[in-house]
Amino acid sequence: MTHGAGGWSFCNGYGTAYALGPGDTLRFHGFQSTLVGCGGPDSLEDRYFRALAATRRFELHPDSLILLDADGTRLVFVVARDSTGG
């Protein structure tokens, strides 16, 4: 089953489809984003999108989500405190 995800990267909004597989497998595909210029072909945003596209599995922890590619390279998201104090 395919689901949708999206948000804001460093300067563009984006959306993508994703599929969860057996166990902890995860694949993103079909990225779309706005086209605000954010630097050259190796900008932080381009590397972020490449890392998402290379994701093969995930680890979910109480305070983080870790996306891993085939060679174990990690993209780590940590829980941020609510800016409203909650």
PDB file of N, CA and C in Angstrom:
ATOM      1  N   MET A   1       0.832  -1.178   0.000  1.00  0.00           N
ATOM      2  CA  MET A   1       0.000   0.000   0.000  1.00  0.00           C
ATOM      3  C   MET A   1       0.878   1.244   0.000  1.00  0.00           C
ATOM      4  N   THR A   2       0.566   2.217  -0.837  1.00  0.00           N
ATOM      5  CA  THR A   2       1.338   3.445  -0.935  1.00  0.00           C
ATOM      6  C   THR A   2       0.652   4.555  -0.141  1.00  0.00           C
ATOM      7  N   HIS A   3       1.448   5.341   0.538  1.00  0.00           N
ATOM      8  CA  HIS A   3       0.969   6.465   1.344  1.00  0.00           C
ATOM      9  C   HIS A   3       1.656   7.734   0.865  1.00  0.00           C
ATOM     10  N   GLY A   4       1.216   8.881   1.368  1.00  0.00           N
ATOM     11  CA  GLY A   4       1.842  10.143   1.016  1.00  0.00           C
ATOM     12  C   GLY A   4       2.503  10.798   2.213  1.00  0.00           C
ATOM     13  N   ALA A   5       3.571  11.506   1.947  1.00  0.00           N
ATOM     14  CA  ALA A   5       4.292  12.249   2.978  1.00  0.00           C
ATOM     15  C   ALA A   5       4.734  13.563   2.360  1.00  0.00           C
ATOM     16  N   GLY A   6       5.062  14.513   3.189  1.00  0.00           N
ATOM     17  CA  GLY A   6       5.555  15.781   2.677  1.00  0.00           C
ATOM     18  C   GLY A   6       5.884  16.729   3.803  1.00  0.00           C
ATOM     19  N   GLY A   7       6.350  17.882   3.417  1.00  0.00           N
ATOM     20  CA  GLY A   7       6.718  18.890   4.397  1.00  0.00           C
ATOM     21  C   GLY A   7       7.532  19.973   3.745  1.00  0.00           C
ATOM     22  N   TRP A   8       8.397  20.556   4.540  1.00  0.00           N
ATOM     23  CA  TRP A   8       9.290  21.606   4.069  1.00  0.00           C
ATOM     24  C   TRP A   8      10.720  21.149   4.265  1.00  0.00           C
ATOM     25  N   SER A   9      11.501  21.293   3.209  1.00  0.00           N
ATOM     26  CA  SER A   9      12.936  21.043   3.335  1.00  0.00           C
ATOM     27  C   SER A   9      13.556  22.365   3.743  1.00  0.00           C
ATOM     28  N   PHE A  10      14.724  22.657   3.271  1.00  0.00           N
ATOM     29  CA  PHE A  10      15.409  23.871   3.685  1.00  0.00           C
ATOM     30  C   PHE A  10      14.834  25.124   3.036  1.00  0.00           C
ATOM     31  N   CYS A  11      14.307  25.008   1.822  1.00  0.00           N
ATOM     32  CA  CYS A  11      13.673  26.169   1.193  1.00  0.00           C
ATOM     33  C   CYS A  11      12.535  25.816   0.258  1.00  0.00           C
ATOM     34  N   ASN A  12      12.149  24.585   0.163  1.00  0.00           N
ATOM     35  CA  ASN A  12      11.049  24.175  -0.707  1.00  0.00           C
ATOM     36  C   ASN A  12      10.081  23.257   0.026  1.00  0.00           C
ATOM     37  N   GLY A  13       8.817  23.377  -0.354  1.00  0.00           N
ATOM     38  CA  GLY A  13       7.838  22.406   0.083  1.00  0.00           C
ATOM     39  C   GLY A  13       7.978  21.183  -0.812  1.00  0.00           C
ATOM     40  N   TYR A  14       7.692  19.998  -0.281  1.00  0.00           N
ATOM     41  CA  TYR A  14       7.797  18.788  -1.090  1.00  0.00           C
ATOM     42  C   TYR A  14       6.732  17.780  -0.689  1.00  0.00           C
ATOM     43  N   GLY A  15       6.493  16.862  -1.579  1.00  0.00           N
ATOM     44  CA  GLY A  15       5.610  15.738  -1.331  1.00  0.00           C
ATOM     45  C   GLY A  15       6.182  14.515  -2.017  1.00  0.00           C
ATOM     46  N   THR A  16       5.852  13.358  -1.505  1.00  0.00           N
ATOM     47  CA  THR A  16       6.341  12.110  -2.061  1.00  0.00           C
ATOM     48  C   THR A  16       5.413  10.974  -1.656  1.00  0.00           C
ATOM     49  N   ALA A  17       5.460   9.925  -2.404  1.00  0.00           N
ATOM     50  CA  ALA A  17       4.755   8.697  -2.020  1.00  0.00           C
ATOM     51  C   ALA A  17       5.757   7.821  -1.271  1.00  0.00           C
ATOM     52  N   TYR A  18       5.243   6.975  -0.389  1.00  0.00           N
ATOM     53  CA  TYR A  18       6.119   6.014   0.269  1.00  0.00           C
ATOM     54  C   TYR A  18       5.382   4.702   0.451  1.00  0.00           C
ATOM     55  N   ALA A  19       6.155   3.651   0.551  1.00  0.00           N
ATOM     56  CA  ALA A  19       5.602   2.322   0.777  1.00  0.00           C
ATOM     57  C   ALA A  19       6.379   1.644   1.889  1.00  0.00           C
ATOM     58  N   LEU A  20       5.649   1.095   2.836  1.00  0.00           N
ATOM     59  CA  LEU A  20       6.247   0.283   3.889  1.00  0.00           C
ATOM     60  C   LEU A  20       6.210  -1.166   3.429  1.00  0.00           C
ATOM     61  N   GLY A  21       7.322  -1.844   3.591  1.00  0.00           N
ATOM     62  CA  GLY A  21       7.396  -3.242   3.202  1.00  0.00           C
ATOM     63  C   GLY A  21       7.457  -4.134   4.427  1.00  0.00           C
ATOM     64  N   PRO A  22       7.863  -5.366   4.228  1.00  0.00           N
ATOM     65  CA  PRO A  22       7.982  -6.285   5.365  1.00  0.00           C
ATOM     66  C   PRO A  22       9.012  -5.774   6.370  1.00  0.00           C
ATOM     67  N   GLY A  23       8.745  -6.022   7.620  1.00  0.00           N
ATOM     68  CA  GLY A  23       9.681  -5.606   8.662  1.00  0.00           C
ATOM     69  C   GLY A  23       9.807  -4.104   8.718  1.00  0.00           C
ATOM     70  N   ASP A  24      11.026  -3.616   8.610  1.00  0.00           N
ATOM     71  CA  ASP A  24      11.291  -2.189   8.732  1.00  0.00           C
ATOM     72  C   ASP A  24      11.667  -1.539   7.399  1.00  0.00           C
ATOM     73  N   THR A  25      11.260  -2.133   6.278  1.00  0.00           N
ATOM     74  CA  THR A  25      11.627  -1.553   4.985  1.00  0.00           C
ATOM     75  C   THR A  25      10.734  -0.367   4.655  1.00  0.00           C
ATOM     76  N   LEU A  26      11.331   0.611   3.983  1.00  0.00           N
ATOM     77  CA  LEU A  26      10.652   1.852   3.630  1.00  0.00           C
ATOM     78  C   LEU A  26      11.258   2.379   2.346  1.00  0.00           C
ATOM     79  N   ARG A  27      10.410   2.764   1.394  1.00  0.00           N
ATOM     80  CA  ARG A  27      10.881   3.352   0.132  1.00  0.00           C
ATOM     81  C   ARG A  27      10.059   4.589  -0.173  1.00  0.00           C
ATOM     82  N   PHE A  28      10.743   5.676  -0.516  1.00  0.00           N
ATOM     83  CA  PHE A  28      10.102   6.900  -0.999  1.00  0.00           C
ATOM     84  C   PHE A  28      10.239   6.936  -2.508  1.00  0.00           C
ATOM     85  N   HIS A  29       9.238   7.465  -3.198  1.00  0.00           N
ATOM     86  CA  HIS A  29       9.339   7.603  -4.647  1.00  0.00           C
ATOM     87  C   HIS A  29       8.352   8.659  -5.139  1.00  0.00           C
ATOM     88  N   GLY A  30       8.634   9.216  -6.319  1.00  0.00           N
ATOM     89  CA  GLY A  30       7.757  10.216  -6.922  1.00  0.00           C
ATOM     90  C   GLY A  30       7.814  11.569  -6.249  1.00  0.00           C
ATOM     91  N   PHE A  31       9.018  12.055  -5.955  1.00  0.00           N
ATOM     92  CA  PHE A  31       9.149  13.359  -5.296  1.00  0.00           C
ATOM     93  C   PHE A  31       8.660  14.488  -6.181  1.00  0.00           C
ATOM     94  N   GLN A  32       8.007  15.454  -5.557  1.00  0.00           N
ATOM     95  CA  GLN A  32       7.627  16.706  -6.196  1.00  0.00           C
ATOM     96  C   GLN A  32       7.970  17.816  -5.217  1.00  0.00           C
ATOM     97  N   SER A  33       8.445  18.947  -5.748  1.00  0.00           N
ATOM     98  CA  SER A  33       8.739  20.066  -4.851  1.00  0.00           C
ATOM     99  C   SER A  33       8.555  21.377  -5.591  1.00  0.00           C
ATOM    100  N   THR A  34       8.455  22.440  -4.805  1.00  0.00           N
ATOM    101  CA  THR A  34       8.463  23.769  -5.395  1.00  0.00           C
ATOM    102  C   THR A  34       9.855  24.026  -5.936  1.00  0.00           C
ATOM    103  N   LEU A  35      10.030  25.085  -6.682  1.00  0.00           N
ATOM    104  CA  LEU A  35      11.294  25.290  -7.392  1.00  0.00           C
ATOM    105  C   LEU A  35      12.045  26.544  -6.965  1.00  0.00           C
ATOM    106  N   VAL A  36      12.066  26.818  -5.681  1.00  0.00           N
ATOM    107  CA  VAL A  36      12.842  27.947  -5.188  1.00  0.00           C
ATOM    108  C   VAL A  36      14.320  27.580  -5.273  1.00  0.00           C
ATOM    109  N   GLY A  37      15.137  28.450  -5.829  1.00  0.00           N
ATOM    110  CA  GLY A  37      16.570  28.166  -5.930  1.00  0.00           C
ATOM    111  C   GLY A  37      17.216  28.148  -4.564  1.00  0.00           C
ATOM    112  N   CYS A  38      18.004  27.119  -4.308  1.00  0.00           N
ATOM    113  CA  CYS A  38      18.609  26.963  -2.988  1.00  0.00           C
ATOM    114  C   CYS A  38      20.102  26.668  -3.058  1.00  0.00           C
ATOM    115  N   GLY A  39      20.743  26.984  -4.129  1.00  0.00           N
ATOM    116  CA  GLY A  39      22.168  26.686  -4.237  1.00  0.00           C
ATOM    117  C   GLY A  39      22.435  25.763  -5.400  1.00  0.00           C
ATOM    118  N   GLY A  40      23.641  25.272  -5.452  1.00  0.00           N
ATOM    119  CA  GLY A  40      24.097  24.437  -6.559  1.00  0.00           C
ATOM    120  C   GLY A  40      23.609  23.006  -6.478  1.00  0.00           C
ATOM    121  N   PRO A  41      24.123  22.163  -7.380  1.00  0.00           N
ATOM    122  CA  PRO A  41      23.673  20.778  -7.471  1.00  0.00           C
ATOM    123  C   PRO A  41      24.048  19.916  -6.263  1.00  0.00           C
ATOM    124  N   ASP A  42      24.925  20.398  -5.405  1.00  0.00           N
ATOM    125  CA  ASP A  42      25.265  19.645  -4.204  1.00  0.00           C
ATOM    126  C   ASP A  42      24.871  20.434  -2.955  1.00  0.00           C
ATOM    127  N   SER A  43      23.776  21.183  -3.060  1.00  0.00           N
ATOM    128  CA  SER A  43      23.311  21.967  -1.919  1.00  0.00           C
ATOM    129  C   SER A  43      22.812  21.037  -0.817  1.00  0.00           C
ATOM    130  N   LEU A  44      22.662  21.578   0.356  1.00  0.00           N
ATOM    131  CA  LEU A  44      22.151  20.800   1.474  1.00  0.00           C
ATOM    132  C   LEU A  44      20.779  20.222   1.137  1.00  0.00           C
ATOM    133  N   GLU A  45      19.948  20.999   0.465  1.00  0.00           N
ATOM    134  CA  GLU A  45      18.624  20.501   0.097  1.00  0.00           C
ATOM    135  C   GLU A  45      18.712  19.349  -0.895  1.00  0.00           C
ATOM    136  N   ASP A  46      19.560  19.438  -1.896  1.00  0.00           N
ATOM    137  CA  ASP A  46      19.718  18.337  -2.852  1.00  0.00           C
ATOM    138  C   ASP A  46      20.203  17.071  -2.152  1.00  0.00           C
ATOM    139  N   ARG A  47      21.128  17.219  -1.230  1.00  0.00           N
ATOM    140  CA  ARG A  47      21.622  16.048  -0.484  1.00  0.00           C
ATOM    141  C   ARG A  47      20.518  15.445   0.384  1.00  0.00           C
ATOM    142  N   TYR A  48      19.666  16.303   0.957  1.00  0.00           N
ATOM    143  CA  TYR A  48      18.535  15.838   1.759  1.00  0.00           C
ATOM    144  C   TYR A  48      17.577  15.005   0.903  1.00  0.00           C
ATOM    145  N   PHE A  49      17.206  15.517  -0.278  1.00  0.00           N
ATOM    146  CA  PHE A  49      16.307  14.773  -1.162  1.00  0.00           C
ATOM    147  C   PHE A  49      16.954  13.464  -1.641  1.00  0.00           C
ATOM    148  N   ARG A  50      18.247  13.484  -1.927  1.00  0.00           N
ATOM    149  CA  ARG A  50      18.926  12.241  -2.328  1.00  0.00           C
ATOM    150  C   ARG A  50      18.909  11.220  -1.192  1.00  0.00           C
ATOM    151  N   ALA A  51      19.112  11.694   0.038  1.00  0.00           N
ATOM    152  CA  ALA A  51      19.091  10.781   1.184  1.00  0.00           C
ATOM    153  C   ALA A  51      17.701  10.174   1.376  1.00  0.00           C
ATOM    154  N   LEU A  52      16.660  10.977   1.208  1.00  0.00           N
ATOM    155  CA  LEU A  52      15.312  10.422   1.296  1.00  0.00           C
ATOM    156  C   LEU A  52      15.088   9.372   0.211  1.00  0.00           C
ATOM    157  N   ALA A  53      15.495   9.676  -1.012  1.00  0.00           N
ATOM    158  CA  ALA A  53      15.304   8.743  -2.122  1.00  0.00           C
ATOM    159  C   ALA A  53      16.100   7.451  -1.927  1.00  0.00           C
ATOM    160  N   ALA A  54      17.225   7.524  -1.219  1.00  0.00           N
ATOM    161  CA  ALA A  54      18.071   6.344  -1.004  1.00  0.00           C
ATOM    162  C   ALA A  54      17.617   5.497   0.188  1.00  0.00           C
ATOM    163  N   THR A  55      16.627   5.966   0.940  1.00  0.00           N
ATOM    164  CA  THR A  55      16.158   5.248   2.128  1.00  0.00           C
ATOM    165  C   THR A  55      15.676   3.850   1.778  1.00  0.00           C
ATOM    166  N   ARG A  56      16.090   2.873   2.583  1.00  0.00           N
ATOM    167  CA  ARG A  56      15.666   1.489   2.389  1.00  0.00           C
ATOM    168  C   ARG A  56      14.981   0.906   3.616  1.00  0.00           C
ATOM    169  N   ARG A  57      15.279   1.471   4.787  1.00  0.00           N
ATOM    170  CA  ARG A  57      14.614   1.000   5.994  1.00  0.00           C
ATOM    171  C   ARG A  57      14.619   2.100   7.044  1.00  0.00           C
ATOM    172  N   PHE A  58      13.911   1.862   8.134  1.00  0.00           N
ATOM    173  CA  PHE A  58      13.808   2.875   9.181  1.00  0.00           C
ATOM    174  C   PHE A  58      13.920   2.240  10.557  1.00  0.00           C
ATOM    175  N   GLU A  59      14.257   3.082  11.535  1.00  0.00           N
ATOM    176  CA  GLU A  59      14.228   2.714  12.954  1.00  0.00           C
ATOM    177  C   GLU A  59      13.425   3.797  13.659  1.00  0.00           C
ATOM    178  N   LEU A  60      12.439   3.397  14.435  1.00  0.00           N
ATOM    179  CA  LEU A  60      11.614   4.335  15.178  1.00  0.00           C
ATOM    180  C   LEU A  60      11.923   4.192  16.663  1.00  0.00           C
ATOM    181  N   HIS A  61      12.330   5.299  17.274  1.00  0.00           N
ATOM    182  CA  HIS A  61      12.667   5.339  18.693  1.00  0.00           C
ATOM    183  C   HIS A  61      11.761   6.366  19.367  1.00  0.00           C
ATOM    184  N   PRO A  62      11.655   6.364  20.695  1.00  0.00           N
ATOM    185  CA  PRO A  62      10.777   7.320  21.374  1.00  0.00           C
ATOM    186  C   PRO A  62      11.103   8.785  21.065  1.00  0.00           C
ATOM    187  N   ASP A  63      12.366   9.092  20.799  1.00  0.00           N
ATOM    188  CA  ASP A  63      12.745  10.485  20.565  1.00  0.00           C
ATOM    189  C   ASP A  63      13.322  10.744  19.179  1.00  0.00           C
ATOM    190  N   SER A  64      13.265   9.746  18.272  1.00  0.00           N
ATOM    191  CA  SER A  64      13.841   9.963  16.942  1.00  0.00           C
ATOM    192  C   SER A  64      13.298   8.980  15.914  1.00  0.00           C
ATOM    193  N   LEU A  65      13.450   9.373  14.672  1.00  0.00           N
ATOM    194  CA  LEU A  65      13.187   8.517  13.517  1.00  0.00           C
ATOM    195  C   LEU A  65      14.478   8.499  12.720  1.00  0.00           C
ATOM    196  N   ILE A  66      14.989   7.306  12.436  1.00  0.00           N
ATOM    197  CA  ILE A  66      16.229   7.166  11.685  1.00  0.00           C
ATOM    198  C   ILE A  66      15.909   6.473  10.371  1.00  0.00           C
ATOM    199  N   LEU A  67      16.281   7.125   9.255  1.00  0.00           N
ATOM    200  CA  LEU A  67      16.142   6.533   7.933  1.00  0.00           C
ATOM    201  C   LEU A  67      17.510   6.057   7.504  1.00  0.00           C
ATOM    202  N   LEU A  68      17.594   4.828   7.003  1.00  0.00           N
ATOM    203  CA  LEU A  68      18.883   4.238   6.635  1.00  0.00           C
ATOM    204  C   LEU A  68      18.879   3.849   5.170  1.00  0.00           C
ATOM    205  N   ASP A  69      20.020   4.095   4.483  1.00  0.00           N
ATOM    206  CA  ASP A  69      20.140   3.630   3.104  1.00  0.00           C
ATOM    207  C   ASP A  69      20.790   2.247   3.106  1.00  0.00           C
ATOM    208  N   ALA A  70      21.055   1.707   1.935  1.00  0.00           N
ATOM    209  CA  ALA A  70      21.558   0.339   1.815  1.00  0.00           C
ATOM    210  C   ALA A  70      22.886   0.114   2.524  1.00  0.00           C
ATOM    211  N   ASP A  71      23.757   1.144   2.586  1.00  0.00           N
ATOM    212  CA  ASP A  71      25.056   0.948   3.231  1.00  0.00           C
ATOM    213  C   ASP A  71      25.070   1.386   4.696  1.00  0.00           C
ATOM    214  N   GLY A  72      23.892   1.738   5.243  1.00  0.00           N
ATOM    215  CA  GLY A  72      23.808   2.105   6.655  1.00  0.00           C
ATOM    216  C   GLY A  72      23.923   3.588   6.939  1.00  0.00           C
ATOM    217  N   THR A  73      24.109   4.413   5.906  1.00  0.00           N
ATOM    218  CA  THR A  73      24.142   5.860   6.122  1.00  0.00           C
ATOM    219  C   THR A  73      22.805   6.290   6.704  1.00  0.00           C
ATOM    220  N   ARG A  74      22.855   7.178   7.695  1.00  0.00           N
ATOM    221  CA  ARG A  74      21.658   7.554   8.447  1.00  0.00           C
ATOM    222  C   ARG A  74      21.227   8.988   8.197  1.00  0.00           C
ATOM    223  N   LEU A  75      19.920   9.171   8.163  1.00  0.00           N
ATOM    224  CA  LEU A  75      19.296  10.489   8.175  1.00  0.00           C
ATOM    225  C   LEU A  75      18.437  10.481   9.432  1.00  0.00           C
ATOM    226  N   VAL A  76      18.799  11.314  10.421  1.00  0.00           N
ATOM    227  CA  VAL A  76      18.178  11.242  11.739  1.00  0.00           C
ATOM    228  C   VAL A  76      17.284  12.458  11.969  1.00  0.00           C
ATOM    229  N   PHE A  77      16.050  12.188  12.388  1.00  0.00           N
ATOM    230  CA  PHE A  77      15.097  13.224  12.758  1.00  0.00           C
ATOM    231  C   PHE A  77      14.851  13.077  14.250  1.00  0.00           C
ATOM    232  N   VAL A  78      14.940  14.173  14.992  1.00  0.00           N
ATOM    233  CA  VAL A  78      14.731  14.120  16.433  1.00  0.00           C
ATOM    234  C   VAL A  78      13.481  14.919  16.795  1.00  0.00           C
ATOM    235  N   VAL A  79      12.844  14.522  17.863  1.00  0.00           N
ATOM    236  CA  VAL A  79      11.649  15.212  18.344  1.00  0.00           C
ATOM    237  C   VAL A  79      12.051  16.591  18.828  1.00  0.00           C
ATOM    238  N   ALA A  80      11.332  17.608  18.357  1.00  0.00           N
ATOM    239  CA  ALA A  80      11.583  18.977  18.780  1.00  0.00           C
ATOM    240  C   ALA A  80      10.506  19.383  19.772  1.00  0.00           C
ATOM    241  N   ARG A  81      10.867  20.156  20.722  1.00  0.00           N
ATOM    242  CA  ARG A  81       9.881  20.651  21.675  1.00  0.00           C
ATOM    243  C   ARG A  81       8.925  21.583  20.966  1.00  0.00           C
ATOM    244  N   ASP A  82       7.700  21.524  21.336  1.00  0.00           N
ATOM    245  CA  ASP A  82       6.668  22.387  20.767  1.00  0.00           C
ATOM    246  C   ASP A  82       7.005  23.839  21.123  1.00  0.00           C
ATOM    247  N   SER A  83       7.075  24.697  20.117  1.00  0.00           N
ATOM    248  CA  SER A  83       7.450  26.087  20.355  1.00  0.00           C
ATOM    249  C   SER A  83       6.396  26.843  21.159  1.00  0.00           C
ATOM    250  N   THR A  84       5.217  26.273  21.346  1.00  0.00           N
ATOM    251  CA  THR A  84       4.177  26.927  22.138  1.00  0.00           C
ATOM    252  C   THR A  84       4.271  26.538  23.607  1.00  0.00           C
ATOM    253  N   GLY A  85       5.271  25.708  23.941  1.00  0.00           N
ATOM    254  CA  GLY A  85       5.476  25.318  25.325  1.00  0.00           C
ATOM    255  C   GLY A  85       4.823  24.010  25.700  1.00  0.00           C
ATOM    256  N   GLY A  86       4.183  23.330  24.743  1.00  0.00           N
ATOM    257  CA  GLY A  86       3.509  22.065  25.033  1.00  0.00           C
ATOM    258  C   GLY A  86       4.416  20.882  24.943  1.00  0.00           C
TER     259      GLY A  86
END
